[in-house]
Amino acid sequence: MRFPNDPLLTIGHVAQRSGVQASALRFYETRGLISSVRADSGHRRFPRSTLRRIAFIVFAQKVGFTLDEIATQLARLPTDHVPTGEDWRALTGEWKARVQQRIEELQRLNIGLDQCIGCGCLSIERCMLSNPGDRGGGHGAGARRWTGEMEAE
């Protein structure tokens, strides 16, 4: 999407300013998260407003959203003008519950680490932190366990 008065940037400039590798920018473009236009030379040129989209993508990934979820959220942005602060706030409003959930998970992990180190067991059989709900443990050691028949060749 191209907006008037939105200067175009090279992929190198976008990578430098955003801190995201050019290969990741090309990947984001193939996923439809960002878009570019092609210069006469065939090189990508990104609207300056792409920098905010990239910041959104990076932060959303840190919050725990998948790229598909991020694409769904970005699709809600207006296409007739550069998104405003209000447009971005509308998207991030639903993040608070996700962030709070992550905070609670990390707090439980932190408490679990204190308890595990404090108890001194560090036992794979007893430790609920390192081996919670081990349903396959009774079937022997190993990462894989065969549960079916082999296909006939």
N, C-alpha and C. Protein backbone atom coordinates (compact mmCIF):
# COMPACT_ATOMS: atom_id res chain seq x y z
N MET A 1 0.85 -1.16 0.00
CA MET A 1 0.00 0.00 0.00
C MET A 1 0.90 1.22 0.00
N ARG A 2 0.61 2.14 -0.85
CA ARG A 2 1.43 3.35 -1.03
C ARG A 2 0.59 4.56 -0.71
N PHE A 3 1.09 5.43 0.13
CA PHE A 3 0.38 6.64 0.53
C PHE A 3 1.12 7.85 0.00
N PRO A 4 0.39 8.89 -0.39
CA PRO A 4 1.07 10.13 -0.80
C PRO A 4 1.91 10.68 0.35
N ASN A 5 2.96 11.33 0.02
CA ASN A 5 3.86 11.95 1.02
C ASN A 5 4.49 10.93 1.95
N ASP A 6 4.63 9.72 1.51
CA ASP A 6 5.27 8.67 2.31
C ASP A 6 6.52 8.24 1.54
N PRO A 7 7.68 8.80 1.87
CA PRO A 7 8.89 8.52 1.09
C PRO A 7 9.23 7.03 1.07
N LEU A 8 9.87 6.61 0.00
CA LEU A 8 10.26 5.21 -0.15
C LEU A 8 11.68 4.99 0.34
N LEU A 9 11.89 3.85 0.99
CA LEU A 9 13.18 3.49 1.55
C LEU A 9 13.66 2.18 0.93
N THR A 10 14.97 2.04 0.80
CA THR A 10 15.53 0.78 0.31
C THR A 10 15.42 -0.28 1.40
N ILE A 11 15.56 -1.53 1.00
CA ILE A 11 15.49 -2.62 1.98
C ILE A 11 16.62 -2.51 2.99
N GLY A 12 17.80 -2.08 2.53
CA GLY A 12 18.93 -1.91 3.45
C GLY A 12 18.66 -0.83 4.48
N HIS A 13 18.04 0.26 4.04
CA HIS A 13 17.73 1.35 4.96
C HIS A 13 16.67 0.90 5.97
N VAL A 14 15.66 0.17 5.49
CA VAL A 14 14.62 -0.34 6.40
C VAL A 14 15.24 -1.32 7.40
N ALA A 15 16.12 -2.19 6.93
CA ALA A 15 16.78 -3.15 7.82
C ALA A 15 17.60 -2.43 8.88
N GLN A 16 18.34 -1.41 8.45
CA GLN A 16 19.17 -0.66 9.39
C GLN A 16 18.31 0.06 10.43
N ARG A 17 17.28 0.72 9.99
CA ARG A 17 16.45 1.50 10.92
C ARG A 17 15.60 0.63 11.82
N SER A 18 15.17 -0.53 11.34
CA SER A 18 14.28 -1.38 12.13
C SER A 18 15.03 -2.40 12.98
N GLY A 19 16.29 -2.69 12.60
CA GLY A 19 17.04 -3.72 13.31
C GLY A 19 16.64 -5.12 12.89
N VAL A 20 15.90 -5.24 11.80
CA VAL A 20 15.44 -6.54 11.29
C VAL A 20 16.24 -6.86 10.03
N GLN A 21 16.72 -8.07 9.93
CA GLN A 21 17.52 -8.49 8.77
C GLN A 21 16.72 -8.37 7.48
N ALA A 22 17.42 -8.07 6.39
CA ALA A 22 16.77 -7.95 5.08
C ALA A 22 16.06 -9.25 4.70
N SER A 23 16.64 -10.38 5.05
CA SER A 23 16.00 -11.67 4.73
C SER A 23 14.66 -11.80 5.45
N ALA A 24 14.59 -11.31 6.69
CA ALA A 24 13.32 -11.34 7.43
C ALA A 24 12.31 -10.40 6.79
N LEU A 25 12.78 -9.25 6.30
CA LEU A 25 11.87 -8.32 5.63
C LEU A 25 11.28 -8.95 4.38
N ARG A 26 12.12 -9.65 3.61
CA ARG A 26 11.61 -10.33 2.42
C ARG A 26 10.61 -11.41 2.82
N PHE A 27 10.89 -12.13 3.92
CA PHE A 27 9.96 -13.15 4.41
C PHE A 27 8.64 -12.51 4.83
N TYR A 28 8.70 -11.42 5.58
CA TYR A 28 7.48 -10.72 5.98
C TYR A 28 6.67 -10.31 4.75
N GLU A 29 7.38 -9.90 3.71
CA GLU A 29 6.68 -9.48 2.49
C GLU A 29 5.98 -10.68 1.84
N THR A 30 6.65 -11.83 1.79
CA THR A 30 6.00 -13.01 1.20
C THR A 30 4.79 -13.44 2.01
N ARG A 31 4.80 -13.17 3.31
CA ARG A 31 3.66 -13.51 4.18
C ARG A 31 2.57 -12.44 4.14
N GLY A 32 2.81 -11.34 3.42
CA GLY A 32 1.80 -10.29 3.31
C GLY A 32 1.76 -9.34 4.49
N LEU A 33 2.77 -9.38 5.35
CA LEU A 33 2.79 -8.51 6.53
C LEU A 33 3.22 -7.09 6.18
N ILE A 34 4.09 -6.97 5.19
CA ILE A 34 4.52 -5.66 4.70
C ILE A 34 4.49 -5.72 3.18
N SER A 35 4.54 -4.56 2.55
CA SER A 35 4.55 -4.54 1.09
C SER A 35 5.55 -3.51 0.60
N SER A 36 5.97 -3.71 -0.64
CA SER A 36 6.92 -2.80 -1.25
C SER A 36 6.49 -2.55 -2.69
N VAL A 37 7.13 -1.57 -3.28
CA VAL A 37 6.99 -1.34 -4.72
C VAL A 37 8.36 -1.59 -5.32
N ARG A 38 8.40 -1.81 -6.60
CA ARG A 38 9.68 -2.07 -7.26
C ARG A 38 10.13 -0.82 -7.99
N ALA A 39 11.39 -0.49 -7.81
CA ALA A 39 12.00 0.61 -8.56
C ALA A 39 12.22 0.12 -9.99
N ASP A 40 12.57 1.03 -10.87
CA ASP A 40 12.86 0.66 -12.26
C ASP A 40 13.96 -0.39 -12.33
N SER A 41 14.86 -0.36 -11.36
CA SER A 41 15.95 -1.33 -11.31
C SER A 41 15.49 -2.70 -10.81
N GLY A 42 14.27 -2.79 -10.30
CA GLY A 42 13.75 -4.04 -9.76
C GLY A 42 13.96 -4.18 -8.27
N HIS A 43 14.65 -3.23 -7.65
CA HIS A 43 14.89 -3.28 -6.21
C HIS A 43 13.63 -2.89 -5.45
N ARG A 44 13.49 -3.49 -4.27
CA ARG A 44 12.34 -3.17 -3.42
C ARG A 44 12.49 -1.77 -2.85
N ARG A 45 11.36 -1.09 -2.75
CA ARG A 45 11.29 0.20 -2.06
C ARG A 45 10.08 0.13 -1.14
N PHE A 46 10.33 0.45 0.13
CA PHE A 46 9.28 0.35 1.15
C PHE A 46 8.83 1.74 1.57
N PRO A 47 7.53 1.93 1.75
CA PRO A 47 7.06 3.20 2.32
C PRO A 47 7.64 3.36 3.73
N ARG A 48 7.93 4.58 4.11
CA ARG A 48 8.48 4.84 5.44
C ARG A 48 7.56 4.31 6.53
N SER A 49 6.25 4.32 6.28
CA SER A 49 5.29 3.82 7.26
C SER A 49 5.48 2.33 7.55
N THR A 50 6.23 1.64 6.71
CA THR A 50 6.52 0.22 6.94
C THR A 50 7.31 0.03 8.23
N LEU A 51 8.10 1.03 8.61
CA LEU A 51 8.89 0.92 9.84
C LEU A 51 7.99 0.69 11.05
N ARG A 52 6.85 1.35 11.09
CA ARG A 52 5.93 1.16 12.22
C ARG A 52 5.32 -0.24 12.17
N ARG A 53 4.99 -0.71 10.96
CA ARG A 53 4.45 -2.07 10.83
C ARG A 53 5.47 -3.09 11.32
N ILE A 54 6.73 -2.89 10.97
CA ILE A 54 7.78 -3.82 11.40
C ILE A 54 7.93 -3.79 12.91
N ALA A 55 7.91 -2.61 13.50
CA ALA A 55 7.99 -2.51 14.96
C ALA A 55 6.82 -3.26 15.60
N PHE A 56 5.65 -3.13 15.01
CA PHE A 56 4.46 -3.84 15.49
C PHE A 56 4.68 -5.35 15.40
N ILE A 57 5.20 -5.82 14.27
CA ILE A 57 5.43 -7.25 14.07
C ILE A 57 6.42 -7.79 15.10
N VAL A 58 7.52 -7.09 15.29
CA VAL A 58 8.56 -7.52 16.23
C VAL A 58 7.99 -7.57 17.65
N PHE A 59 7.28 -6.53 18.04
CA PHE A 59 6.73 -6.49 19.39
C PHE A 59 5.66 -7.57 19.56
N ALA A 60 4.81 -7.74 18.56
CA ALA A 60 3.75 -8.76 18.65
C ALA A 60 4.35 -10.15 18.80
N GLN A 61 5.46 -10.41 18.12
CA GLN A 61 6.13 -11.70 18.27
C GLN A 61 6.66 -11.86 19.69
N LYS A 62 7.19 -10.79 20.26
CA LYS A 62 7.69 -10.86 21.64
C LYS A 62 6.56 -11.12 22.62
N VAL A 63 5.38 -10.60 22.33
CA VAL A 63 4.21 -10.83 23.18
C VAL A 63 3.76 -12.28 23.07
N GLY A 64 4.05 -12.91 21.94
CA GLY A 64 3.70 -14.31 21.77
C GLY A 64 2.73 -14.59 20.64
N PHE A 65 2.42 -13.59 19.83
CA PHE A 65 1.52 -13.80 18.71
C PHE A 65 2.25 -14.51 17.58
N THR A 66 1.54 -15.36 16.85
CA THR A 66 2.10 -16.01 15.68
C THR A 66 2.03 -15.04 14.50
N LEU A 67 2.76 -15.35 13.44
CA LEU A 67 2.71 -14.49 12.25
C LEU A 67 1.32 -14.48 11.63
N ASP A 68 0.60 -15.59 11.71
CA ASP A 68 -0.77 -15.61 11.20
C ASP A 68 -1.67 -14.67 12.01
N GLU A 69 -1.52 -14.69 13.33
CA GLU A 69 -2.30 -13.78 14.18
C GLU A 69 -1.93 -12.33 13.89
N ILE A 70 -0.65 -12.08 13.68
CA ILE A 70 -0.19 -10.72 13.38
C ILE A 70 -0.78 -10.27 12.05
N ALA A 71 -0.78 -11.14 11.05
CA ALA A 71 -1.34 -10.80 9.74
C ALA A 71 -2.82 -10.44 9.87
N THR A 72 -3.55 -11.19 10.68
CA THR A 72 -4.97 -10.90 10.89
C THR A 72 -5.15 -9.52 11.51
N GLN A 73 -4.31 -9.21 12.49
CA GLN A 73 -4.40 -7.90 13.13
C GLN A 73 -4.03 -6.78 12.17
N LEU A 74 -2.96 -6.96 11.40
CA LEU A 74 -2.53 -5.92 10.47
C LEU A 74 -3.57 -5.69 9.38
N ALA A 75 -4.33 -6.72 9.02
CA ALA A 75 -5.36 -6.58 8.00
C ALA A 75 -6.47 -5.63 8.46
N ARG A 76 -6.57 -5.39 9.74
CA ARG A 76 -7.59 -4.48 10.28
C ARG A 76 -7.19 -3.01 10.18
N LEU A 77 -5.95 -2.75 9.79
CA LEU A 77 -5.50 -1.36 9.65
C LEU A 77 -6.10 -0.72 8.40
N PRO A 78 -6.29 0.60 8.42
CA PRO A 78 -6.84 1.27 7.24
C PRO A 78 -5.87 1.17 6.06
N THR A 79 -6.44 1.13 4.87
CA THR A 79 -5.62 1.07 3.67
C THR A 79 -5.65 2.37 2.89
N ASP A 80 -6.45 3.33 3.35
CA ASP A 80 -6.58 4.59 2.62
C ASP A 80 -5.73 5.71 3.19
N HIS A 81 -5.04 5.46 4.30
CA HIS A 81 -4.14 6.46 4.89
C HIS A 81 -3.12 5.76 5.79
N VAL A 82 -2.04 6.47 6.08
CA VAL A 82 -1.06 5.94 7.02
C VAL A 82 -1.76 5.77 8.37
N PRO A 83 -1.66 4.59 8.98
CA PRO A 83 -2.34 4.37 10.25
C PRO A 83 -1.93 5.40 11.31
N THR A 84 -2.91 5.85 12.05
CA THR A 84 -2.69 6.84 13.11
C THR A 84 -2.39 6.12 14.42
N GLY A 85 -2.02 6.90 15.41
CA GLY A 85 -1.82 6.34 16.75
C GLY A 85 -3.07 5.66 17.26
N GLU A 86 -4.21 6.23 16.97
CA GLU A 86 -5.49 5.64 17.40
C GLU A 86 -5.70 4.28 16.71
N ASP A 87 -5.35 4.19 15.44
CA ASP A 87 -5.47 2.91 14.72
C ASP A 87 -4.61 1.84 15.39
N TRP A 88 -3.38 2.20 15.75
CA TRP A 88 -2.48 1.25 16.39
C TRP A 88 -2.98 0.88 17.78
N ARG A 89 -3.48 1.85 18.54
CA ARG A 89 -3.99 1.56 19.89
C ARG A 89 -5.17 0.60 19.83
N ALA A 90 -6.00 0.73 18.81
CA ALA A 90 -7.13 -0.19 18.67
C ALA A 90 -6.65 -1.63 18.50
N LEU A 91 -5.55 -1.81 17.79
CA LEU A 91 -5.01 -3.16 17.60
C LEU A 91 -4.41 -3.71 18.88
N THR A 92 -3.66 -2.89 19.59
CA THR A 92 -2.94 -3.39 20.75
C THR A 92 -3.80 -3.49 22.01
N GLY A 93 -5.01 -2.98 21.95
CA GLY A 93 -5.88 -3.04 23.12
C GLY A 93 -6.13 -4.45 23.61
N GLU A 94 -6.24 -5.40 22.71
CA GLU A 94 -6.52 -6.78 23.10
C GLU A 94 -5.27 -7.52 23.58
N TRP A 95 -4.13 -6.88 23.52
CA TRP A 95 -2.89 -7.52 23.94
C TRP A 95 -2.76 -7.62 25.45
N LYS A 96 -3.43 -6.76 26.17
CA LYS A 96 -3.22 -6.69 27.62
C LYS A 96 -3.47 -8.04 28.29
N ALA A 97 -4.51 -8.74 27.87
CA ALA A 97 -4.79 -10.05 28.48
C ALA A 97 -3.66 -11.03 28.16
N ARG A 98 -3.15 -10.99 26.94
CA ARG A 98 -2.06 -11.88 26.53
C ARG A 98 -0.80 -11.57 27.32
N VAL A 99 -0.50 -10.29 27.48
CA VAL A 99 0.68 -9.88 28.23
C VAL A 99 0.54 -10.31 29.70
N GLN A 100 -0.65 -10.10 30.27
CA GLN A 100 -0.88 -10.49 31.66
C GLN A 100 -0.71 -12.00 31.84
N GLN A 101 -1.19 -12.77 30.88
CA GLN A 101 -1.04 -14.22 30.93
C GLN A 101 0.44 -14.61 30.91
N ARG A 102 1.22 -13.98 30.05
CA ARG A 102 2.66 -14.26 29.98
C ARG A 102 3.34 -13.89 31.29
N ILE A 103 2.96 -12.75 31.88
CA ILE A 103 3.54 -12.33 33.16
C ILE A 103 3.28 -13.39 34.22
N GLU A 104 2.05 -13.88 34.29
CA GLU A 104 1.69 -14.89 35.28
C GLU A 104 2.46 -16.20 35.04
N GLU A 105 2.62 -16.59 33.78
CA GLU A 105 3.40 -17.79 33.47
C GLU A 105 4.84 -17.64 33.91
N LEU A 106 5.43 -16.48 33.64
CA LEU A 106 6.82 -16.24 34.04
C LEU A 106 6.97 -16.19 35.55
N GLN A 107 5.98 -15.64 36.24
CA GLN A 107 6.03 -15.61 37.70
C GLN A 107 5.97 -17.03 38.27
N ARG A 108 5.10 -17.87 37.69
CA ARG A 108 5.04 -19.27 38.14
C ARG A 108 6.36 -19.99 37.88
N LEU A 109 6.96 -19.72 36.73
CA LEU A 109 8.25 -20.32 36.40
C LEU A 109 9.31 -19.86 37.39
N ASN A 110 9.30 -18.59 37.72
CA ASN A 110 10.26 -18.03 38.67
C ASN A 110 10.11 -18.69 40.04
N ILE A 111 8.89 -18.84 40.50
CA ILE A 111 8.64 -19.50 41.79
C ILE A 111 9.08 -20.96 41.71
N GLY A 112 8.77 -21.61 40.59
CA GLY A 112 9.16 -23.00 40.41
C GLY A 112 10.66 -23.18 40.43
N LEU A 113 11.38 -22.24 39.83
CA LEU A 113 12.84 -22.32 39.86
C LEU A 113 13.37 -22.22 41.28
N ASP A 114 12.82 -21.29 42.04
CA ASP A 114 13.24 -21.16 43.43
C ASP A 114 12.97 -22.44 44.21
N GLN A 115 11.80 -23.02 44.01
CA GLN A 115 11.44 -24.24 44.74
C GLN A 115 12.31 -25.41 44.30
N CYS A 116 12.56 -25.51 43.01
CA CYS A 116 13.34 -26.64 42.49
C CYS A 116 14.79 -26.56 42.98
N ILE A 117 15.38 -25.41 42.85
CA ILE A 117 16.76 -25.26 43.30
C ILE A 117 16.82 -25.40 44.82
N GLY A 118 15.80 -24.89 45.49
CA GLY A 118 15.76 -24.97 46.95
C GLY A 118 15.62 -26.39 47.46
N CYS A 119 14.85 -27.23 46.75
CA CYS A 119 14.64 -28.59 47.24
C CYS A 119 15.85 -29.47 46.95
N GLY A 120 16.62 -29.13 45.93
CA GLY A 120 17.83 -29.87 45.63
C GLY A 120 17.61 -31.18 44.92
N CYS A 121 16.37 -31.50 44.56
CA CYS A 121 16.14 -32.81 43.96
C CYS A 121 16.73 -32.90 42.56
N LEU A 122 16.42 -31.93 41.74
CA LEU A 122 16.85 -31.94 40.34
C LEU A 122 16.70 -33.33 39.73
N SER A 123 15.63 -34.00 40.11
CA SER A 123 15.36 -35.36 39.66
C SER A 123 14.31 -35.35 38.57
N ILE A 124 14.59 -35.97 37.46
CA ILE A 124 13.63 -36.01 36.36
C ILE A 124 12.38 -36.79 36.76
N GLU A 125 12.52 -37.73 37.70
CA GLU A 125 11.36 -38.51 38.11
C GLU A 125 10.42 -37.71 39.02
N ARG A 126 10.97 -36.86 39.86
CA ARG A 126 10.16 -36.17 40.85
C ARG A 126 9.90 -34.71 40.53
N CYS A 127 10.73 -34.08 39.73
CA CYS A 127 10.66 -32.64 39.55
C CYS A 127 9.48 -32.25 38.67
N MET A 128 8.54 -31.51 39.23
CA MET A 128 7.36 -31.07 38.49
C MET A 128 7.68 -29.91 37.56
N LEU A 129 8.83 -29.28 37.74
CA LEU A 129 9.20 -28.18 36.86
C LEU A 129 9.81 -28.70 35.56
N SER A 130 10.73 -29.64 35.67
CA SER A 130 11.42 -30.11 34.47
C SER A 130 10.69 -31.24 33.76
N ASN A 131 9.77 -31.90 34.44
CA ASN A 131 9.09 -33.04 33.83
C ASN A 131 7.63 -33.13 34.26
N PRO A 132 6.85 -32.06 34.03
CA PRO A 132 5.46 -32.08 34.49
C PRO A 132 4.61 -33.04 33.66
N GLY A 133 3.78 -33.82 34.34
CA GLY A 133 2.82 -34.68 33.66
C GLY A 133 3.44 -35.66 32.69
N ASP A 134 4.52 -36.28 33.05
CA ASP A 134 5.21 -37.21 32.15
C ASP A 134 4.35 -38.46 31.97
N ARG A 135 3.54 -38.45 30.91
CA ARG A 135 2.64 -39.58 30.65
C ARG A 135 3.36 -40.75 29.99
N GLY A 136 4.48 -40.48 29.34
CA GLY A 136 5.19 -41.55 28.65
C GLY A 136 6.31 -42.16 29.46
N GLY A 137 6.59 -41.61 30.64
CA GLY A 137 7.71 -42.07 31.44
C GLY A 137 7.62 -43.53 31.83
N GLY A 138 6.41 -44.05 32.00
CA GLY A 138 6.23 -45.44 32.39
C GLY A 138 6.53 -46.41 31.26
N HIS A 139 6.72 -45.90 30.06
CA HIS A 139 6.97 -46.76 28.90
C HIS A 139 8.44 -46.80 28.53
N GLY A 140 9.29 -46.24 29.35
CA GLY A 140 10.72 -46.28 29.08
C GLY A 140 11.28 -44.93 28.70
N ALA A 141 12.60 -44.86 28.67
CA ALA A 141 13.28 -43.61 28.37
C ALA A 141 13.27 -43.35 26.87
N GLY A 142 13.55 -42.12 26.52
CA GLY A 142 13.68 -41.78 25.10
C GLY A 142 12.68 -40.73 24.68
N ALA A 143 13.05 -40.05 23.62
CA ALA A 143 12.20 -38.97 23.14
C ALA A 143 11.04 -39.49 22.30
N ARG A 144 11.19 -40.68 21.70
CA ARG A 144 10.13 -41.21 20.84
C ARG A 144 9.70 -42.59 21.30
N ARG A 145 8.46 -42.88 21.05
CA ARG A 145 7.93 -44.19 21.38
C ARG A 145 7.00 -44.59 20.25
N TRP A 146 7.18 -45.76 19.69
CA TRP A 146 6.36 -46.23 18.59
C TRP A 146 4.99 -46.61 19.11
N THR A 147 3.93 -46.08 18.48
CA THR A 147 2.57 -46.35 18.96
C THR A 147 1.69 -47.00 17.91
N GLY A 148 2.23 -47.32 16.76
CA GLY A 148 1.39 -47.87 15.70
C GLY A 148 2.10 -48.91 14.88
N GLU A 149 1.42 -49.34 13.86
CA GLU A 149 1.96 -50.34 12.96
C GLU A 149 2.79 -49.67 11.88
N MET A 150 3.76 -50.39 11.37
CA MET A 150 4.54 -49.88 10.25
C MET A 150 3.74 -50.07 8.97
N GLU A 151 3.86 -49.10 8.07
CA GLU A 151 3.18 -49.21 6.79
C GLU A 151 3.88 -50.25 5.93
N ALA A 152 3.09 -51.02 5.21
CA ALA A 152 3.67 -52.01 4.29
C ALA A 152 4.27 -51.29 3.10
N GLU A 153 5.40 -51.78 2.65
CA GLU A 153 6.06 -51.15 1.50
C GLU A 153 5.53 -51.69 0.21
